[in-house]
Amino acid sequence: MPLKADFPRVRACLFDMDGLLINSEDLYTQSINQILRRYGKPDIPWSIKAQLQGRPGSAATDIFLEWAHLPIPLDQYLVELAAVHRECFPTTGPLPGVEVLLKNLSNSNPKTHIALATSSHIVNFRLKTDHLQDLFSVFPPSQKVLGDDPRIQIGKGKPAPDIYLLALQTINETIRREGKESEIKPEECLVFEDAVPGVEAGRRAGMRVVWVPHAGLAGEFKGKEKEVLAGTTPWHSDDPEGKAALGGQPGVVDDGWGEQLESLVDFPYERYGIEI
């Protein structure tokens, strides 16, 4: 990704969900710790939690179980985890600044298109959002891309760029139908992420990224923020062929394509050419 100072106006904002729009990442942590304690295991540390965030469920489960060494089979773990999720996920709520940000983007002029790109599968998505219809109604149904969308190949979840490229595709399909403006290019998109694999996915998609990490995650990556924003954090694979298989290209440190924020309160719209 080239160094750049003269970015085009952002015409589309693409959002992760868990830990970015709603507080479900904390609920994931509570759920996992509940099961760990049930079997006499220590709580999950951020060094492991960070590797689970943003990834498809199956990939996150593999990483977690390799670390946890639970004395139960995979099927039983999944049944127990799902039961805990059914209790806690309907209690999710929006994180600070989210409601105002989505409202402002919906009313922006020129129009700023929005799409959702979450690794959550449909069952968990409904558990987390059915009681938050006012919040999620701003996303057109055709522009909600979930982790089990059949258009995403198996093994191509975050940090691969596929889900964000698909989210952009759904927006451009709407633009083509309406015939009122030109299609949006990746460099005209802004990805909102809390997870490190998600930041890499956005960078590999050729998009600008805003990283809004949980305080625990920010502490885990203190001193490595520039690598995160470039999408070059090397944890997921030290195998060059494995990295190449993800698709796209990450950025380079200090290339200007990524920014870290503490929260979405008082978002700097003008920095991205968004008029509200």
Protein backbone atom coordinates (compact mmCIF):
# COMPACT_ATOMS: atom_id res chain seq x y z
CA MET A 1 0.00 0.00 0.00
CA PRO A 2 1.59 3.33 -1.04
CA LEU A 3 2.25 6.24 1.29
CA LYS A 4 -0.56 8.70 0.83
CA ALA A 5 -1.58 12.12 2.11
CA ASP A 6 -4.32 13.15 -0.34
CA PHE A 7 -7.07 10.62 0.30
CA PRO A 8 -10.39 10.88 -1.49
CA ARG A 9 -13.55 11.63 0.47
CA VAL A 10 -14.90 8.61 2.32
CA ARG A 11 -18.09 7.52 0.57
CA ALA A 12 -18.73 4.28 2.46
CA CYS A 13 -18.27 3.19 6.07
CA LEU A 14 -18.05 -0.54 6.75
CA PHE A 15 -18.61 -1.72 10.30
CA ASP A 16 -17.57 -4.70 12.33
CA MET A 17 -20.07 -5.40 15.12
CA ASP A 18 -18.83 -7.26 18.22
CA GLY A 19 -16.87 -4.96 20.49
CA LEU A 20 -17.20 -2.11 17.98
CA LEU A 21 -20.90 -1.33 17.83
CA ILE A 22 -22.11 -3.40 20.78
CA ASN A 23 -20.58 -4.66 24.03
CA SER A 24 -20.73 -8.34 23.04
CA GLU A 25 -16.96 -8.86 23.31
CA ASP A 26 -17.19 -8.42 27.07
CA LEU A 27 -20.03 -10.94 27.09
CA TYR A 28 -17.92 -13.38 25.09
CA THR A 29 -15.20 -13.06 27.71
CA GLN A 30 -17.65 -13.63 30.55
CA SER A 31 -19.10 -16.68 28.78
CA ILE A 32 -15.72 -18.29 28.18
CA ASN A 33 -14.56 -17.59 31.71
CA GLN A 34 -17.72 -19.16 33.09
CA ILE A 35 -16.89 -22.41 31.31
CA LEU A 36 -13.20 -22.25 32.19
CA ARG A 37 -14.01 -21.85 35.88
CA ARG A 38 -16.48 -24.73 35.66
CA TYR A 39 -13.52 -26.99 34.87
CA GLY A 40 -11.00 -25.42 37.22
CA LYS A 41 -9.16 -23.46 34.55
CA PRO A 42 -7.83 -19.88 34.78
CA ASP A 43 -9.63 -17.00 33.09
CA ILE A 44 -8.70 -16.30 29.50
CA PRO A 45 -5.81 -13.78 29.21
CA TRP A 46 -5.79 -10.98 26.68
CA SER A 47 -2.86 -12.62 24.89
CA ILE A 48 -5.29 -15.38 23.83
CA LYS A 49 -8.46 -13.30 23.71
CA ALA A 50 -6.81 -10.98 21.20
CA GLN A 51 -6.31 -13.88 18.81
CA LEU A 52 -9.99 -14.83 18.93
CA GLN A 53 -11.47 -11.42 18.22
CA GLY A 54 -12.86 -10.83 14.78
CA ARG A 55 -12.24 -14.36 13.57
CA PRO A 56 -14.92 -16.76 12.34
CA GLY A 57 -16.29 -18.96 15.12
CA SER A 58 -14.60 -22.17 14.02
CA ALA A 59 -11.17 -20.56 13.76
CA ALA A 60 -11.56 -18.85 17.13
CA THR A 61 -12.69 -22.10 18.73
CA ASP A 62 -9.63 -23.96 17.43
CA ILE A 63 -7.28 -21.35 18.90
CA PHE A 64 -9.11 -21.28 22.22
CA LEU A 65 -9.29 -25.04 22.72
CA GLU A 66 -5.64 -25.50 21.84
CA TRP A 67 -4.83 -23.13 24.72
CA ALA A 68 -7.51 -24.18 27.24
CA HIS A 69 -7.07 -27.99 27.25
CA LEU A 70 -10.60 -28.50 28.58
CA PRO A 71 -11.41 -32.04 29.77
CA ILE A 72 -14.47 -32.22 27.50
CA PRO A 73 -14.94 -32.97 23.79
CA LEU A 74 -15.53 -30.23 21.24
CA ASP A 75 -19.24 -31.00 20.88
CA GLN A 76 -19.86 -30.66 24.59
CA TYR A 77 -17.93 -27.40 24.76
CA LEU A 78 -20.00 -25.94 21.93
CA VAL A 79 -23.27 -27.03 23.57
CA GLU A 80 -22.28 -25.49 26.91
CA LEU A 81 -21.05 -22.28 25.29
CA ALA A 82 -24.24 -21.91 23.23
CA ALA A 83 -26.33 -22.26 26.39
CA VAL A 84 -24.42 -19.44 28.07
CA HIS A 85 -24.72 -17.29 24.95
CA ARG A 86 -28.49 -17.73 24.87
CA GLU A 87 -28.62 -16.19 28.32
CA CYS A 88 -26.23 -13.29 27.89
CA PHE A 89 -26.40 -12.16 24.26
CA PRO A 90 -29.94 -10.71 24.51
CA THR A 91 -28.48 -8.21 27.04
CA THR A 92 -26.14 -6.49 24.57
CA GLY A 93 -26.17 -2.73 24.25
CA PRO A 94 -24.53 -0.09 22.05
CA LEU A 95 -21.07 1.17 22.93
CA PRO A 96 -20.41 4.90 23.55
CA GLY A 97 -20.81 7.11 20.50
CA VAL A 98 -22.30 4.44 18.25
CA GLU A 99 -25.88 5.68 18.10
CA VAL A 100 -24.85 9.25 17.30
CA LEU A 101 -22.29 8.12 14.70
CA LEU A 102 -24.74 5.91 12.81
CA LYS A 103 -27.42 8.60 12.90
CA ASN A 104 -25.02 11.24 11.59
CA LEU A 105 -23.74 9.01 8.80
CA SER A 106 -27.31 8.20 7.77
CA ASN A 107 -28.05 11.94 7.49
CA SER A 108 -24.78 12.98 5.86
CA ASN A 109 -24.76 15.01 2.65
CA PRO A 110 -23.30 13.94 0.25
CA LYS A 111 -24.59 10.51 1.18
CA THR A 112 -22.29 8.16 3.08
CA HIS A 113 -23.20 4.54 2.43
CA ILE A 114 -22.93 2.06 5.30
CA ALA A 115 -22.69 -1.72 5.55
CA LEU A 116 -22.21 -4.27 8.30
CA ALA A 117 -19.47 -6.91 8.05
CA THR A 118 -19.52 -9.19 11.09
CA SER A 119 -18.02 -12.61 11.71
CA SER A 120 -21.10 -13.51 13.76
CA HIS A 121 -23.27 -16.26 12.28
CA ILE A 122 -27.01 -15.75 11.89
CA VAL A 123 -28.09 -17.46 15.13
CA ASN A 124 -25.78 -15.41 17.35
CA PHE A 125 -26.42 -12.29 15.29
CA ARG A 126 -30.12 -12.52 16.05
CA LEU A 127 -29.50 -13.17 19.75
CA LYS A 128 -27.34 -10.05 19.91
CA THR A 129 -29.46 -7.71 17.80
CA ASP A 130 -33.17 -8.64 17.84
CA HIS A 131 -33.70 -6.31 20.80
CA LEU A 132 -31.69 -3.53 19.12
CA GLN A 133 -33.73 -3.06 15.96
CA ASP A 134 -33.63 0.74 16.16
CA LEU A 135 -29.84 0.62 16.13
CA PHE A 136 -29.41 -1.89 13.32
CA SER A 137 -32.27 -0.68 11.12
CA VAL A 138 -29.91 1.93 9.64
CA PHE A 139 -28.18 -0.89 7.74
CA PRO A 140 -30.11 -1.91 4.62
CA PRO A 141 -30.87 -5.66 4.80
CA SER A 142 -28.88 -6.32 1.62
CA GLN A 143 -25.89 -4.58 3.22
CA LYS A 144 -25.61 -6.80 6.29
CA VAL A 145 -22.89 -9.39 5.65
CA LEU A 146 -22.62 -12.13 8.28
CA GLY A 147 -19.89 -14.64 8.97
CA ASP A 148 -21.83 -17.57 7.52
CA ASP A 149 -22.70 -15.78 4.29
CA PRO A 150 -22.35 -18.44 1.55
CA ARG A 151 -20.60 -15.91 -0.69
CA ILE A 152 -17.58 -16.04 1.64
CA GLN A 153 -15.44 -19.11 1.03
CA ILE A 154 -14.62 -21.37 3.96
CA GLY A 155 -11.28 -20.29 5.40
CA LYS A 156 -11.65 -16.74 4.06
CA GLY A 157 -12.85 -15.00 7.20
CA LYS A 158 -10.91 -12.17 8.80
CA PRO A 159 -7.95 -11.44 8.54
CA ALA A 160 -8.64 -12.21 4.86
CA PRO A 161 -10.23 -9.21 3.10
CA ASP A 162 -13.19 -11.08 1.62
CA ILE A 163 -15.92 -9.94 4.02
CA TYR A 164 -15.10 -6.26 3.52
CA LEU A 165 -14.84 -6.60 -0.23
CA LEU A 166 -18.23 -8.33 -0.19
CA ALA A 167 -19.70 -5.55 1.96
CA LEU A 168 -18.50 -3.02 -0.61
CA GLN A 169 -19.96 -5.16 -3.37
CA THR A 170 -23.39 -5.02 -1.74
CA ILE A 171 -23.20 -1.22 -1.65
CA ASN A 172 -22.14 -1.00 -5.29
CA GLU A 173 -24.99 -3.29 -6.30
CA THR A 174 -27.37 -0.77 -4.74
CA ILE A 175 -25.60 2.10 -6.50
CA ARG A 176 -25.91 0.35 -9.86
CA ARG A 177 -29.63 -0.22 -9.33
CA GLU A 178 -30.24 3.40 -8.41
CA GLY A 179 -28.01 4.77 -11.17
CA LYS A 180 -27.37 8.10 -9.45
CA GLU A 181 -23.64 7.98 -8.72
CA SER A 182 -20.45 6.19 -9.64
CA GLU A 183 -19.44 2.97 -7.92
CA ILE A 184 -17.31 3.22 -4.80
CA LYS A 185 -13.66 2.16 -4.84
CA PRO A 186 -11.92 0.45 -1.90
CA GLU A 187 -9.82 3.54 -1.16
CA GLU A 188 -13.07 5.49 -0.70
CA CYS A 189 -14.10 3.15 2.14
CA LEU A 190 -13.48 3.46 5.86
CA VAL A 191 -13.50 0.27 7.91
CA PHE A 192 -14.37 0.46 11.62
CA GLU A 193 -12.80 -2.33 13.68
CA ASP A 194 -11.94 -3.22 17.25
CA ALA A 195 -10.08 -6.47 16.47
CA VAL A 196 -6.56 -6.86 15.14
CA PRO A 197 -7.49 -9.52 12.52
CA GLY A 198 -10.29 -7.19 11.38
CA VAL A 199 -7.88 -4.30 10.94
CA GLU A 200 -5.72 -6.53 8.79
CA ALA A 201 -8.76 -7.57 6.76
CA GLY A 202 -9.61 -3.94 6.07
CA ARG A 203 -6.06 -3.09 5.09
CA ARG A 204 -5.83 -6.13 2.80
CA ALA A 205 -9.05 -4.94 1.16
CA GLY A 206 -7.29 -1.69 0.22
CA MET A 207 -9.40 0.40 2.59
CA ARG A 208 -8.68 2.96 5.28
CA VAL A 209 -9.25 1.72 8.82
CA VAL A 210 -10.22 3.16 12.18
CA TRP A 211 -9.17 0.88 15.05
CA VAL A 212 -11.14 1.25 18.29
CA PRO A 213 -9.70 -1.43 20.60
CA HIS A 214 -10.96 -2.54 23.99
CA ALA A 215 -8.70 -1.15 26.73
CA GLY A 216 -7.46 -4.68 27.45
CA LEU A 217 -6.55 -5.24 23.82
CA ALA A 218 -4.86 -1.84 23.58
CA GLY A 219 -2.72 -2.80 26.55
CA GLU A 220 -1.77 -6.09 24.94
CA PHE A 221 -0.53 -4.25 21.83
CA LYS A 222 1.07 -1.27 23.53
CA GLY A 223 4.11 -0.30 21.47
CA LYS A 224 2.86 -2.28 18.45
CA GLU A 225 0.07 0.06 17.40
CA LYS A 226 1.75 1.04 14.13
CA GLU A 227 2.06 -2.58 13.04
CA VAL A 228 -1.60 -3.17 13.88
CA LEU A 229 -2.72 -0.16 11.84
CA ALA A 230 -0.60 -1.33 8.91
CA GLY A 231 -2.15 -4.80 9.08
CA THR A 232 1.27 -6.39 9.52
CA THR A 233 0.92 -7.97 12.97
CA PRO A 234 2.59 -11.34 12.33
CA TRP A 235 0.86 -13.59 14.89
CA HIS A 236 -1.53 -15.50 12.62
CA SER A 237 1.18 -17.07 10.49
CA ASP A 238 4.91 -16.96 10.05
CA ASP A 239 4.49 -18.86 6.80
CA PRO A 240 4.79 -16.51 3.78
CA GLU A 241 2.61 -18.82 1.71
CA GLY A 242 -0.06 -18.75 4.42
CA LYS A 243 -0.06 -14.97 4.45
CA ALA A 244 -0.23 -14.78 0.67
CA ALA A 245 -3.24 -17.11 0.69
CA LEU A 246 -5.20 -14.51 2.67
CA GLY A 247 -5.40 -12.31 -0.42
CA GLY A 248 -4.77 -8.62 -0.88
CA GLN A 249 -1.82 -6.74 0.53
CA PRO A 250 -1.35 -5.28 4.01
CA GLY A 251 -0.02 -1.77 4.37
CA VAL A 252 3.27 -0.44 5.66
CA VAL A 253 3.97 1.30 8.94
CA ASP A 254 3.05 5.01 9.00
CA ASP A 255 1.44 4.94 5.55
CA GLY A 256 -1.48 7.05 6.79
CA TRP A 257 -4.22 4.50 6.00
CA GLY A 258 -5.05 3.68 9.64
CA GLU A 259 -5.96 5.58 12.79
CA GLN A 260 -6.53 4.50 16.39
CA LEU A 261 -9.32 6.01 18.50
CA GLU A 262 -10.24 5.38 22.13
CA SER A 263 -13.97 5.39 21.34
CA LEU A 264 -16.48 6.50 18.72
CA VAL A 265 -17.55 9.51 20.78
CA ASP A 266 -16.98 12.80 18.91
CA PHE A 267 -15.88 11.06 15.73
CA PRO A 268 -13.74 13.37 13.49
CA TYR A 269 -15.98 13.39 10.39
CA GLU A 270 -14.13 16.26 8.71
CA ARG A 271 -10.88 14.26 8.68
CA TYR A 272 -12.55 11.84 6.27
CA GLY A 273 -14.43 14.39 4.17
CA ILE A 274 -17.80 13.43 5.67
CA GLU A 275 -20.26 16.31 5.99
CA ILE A 276 -23.01 15.96 8.57
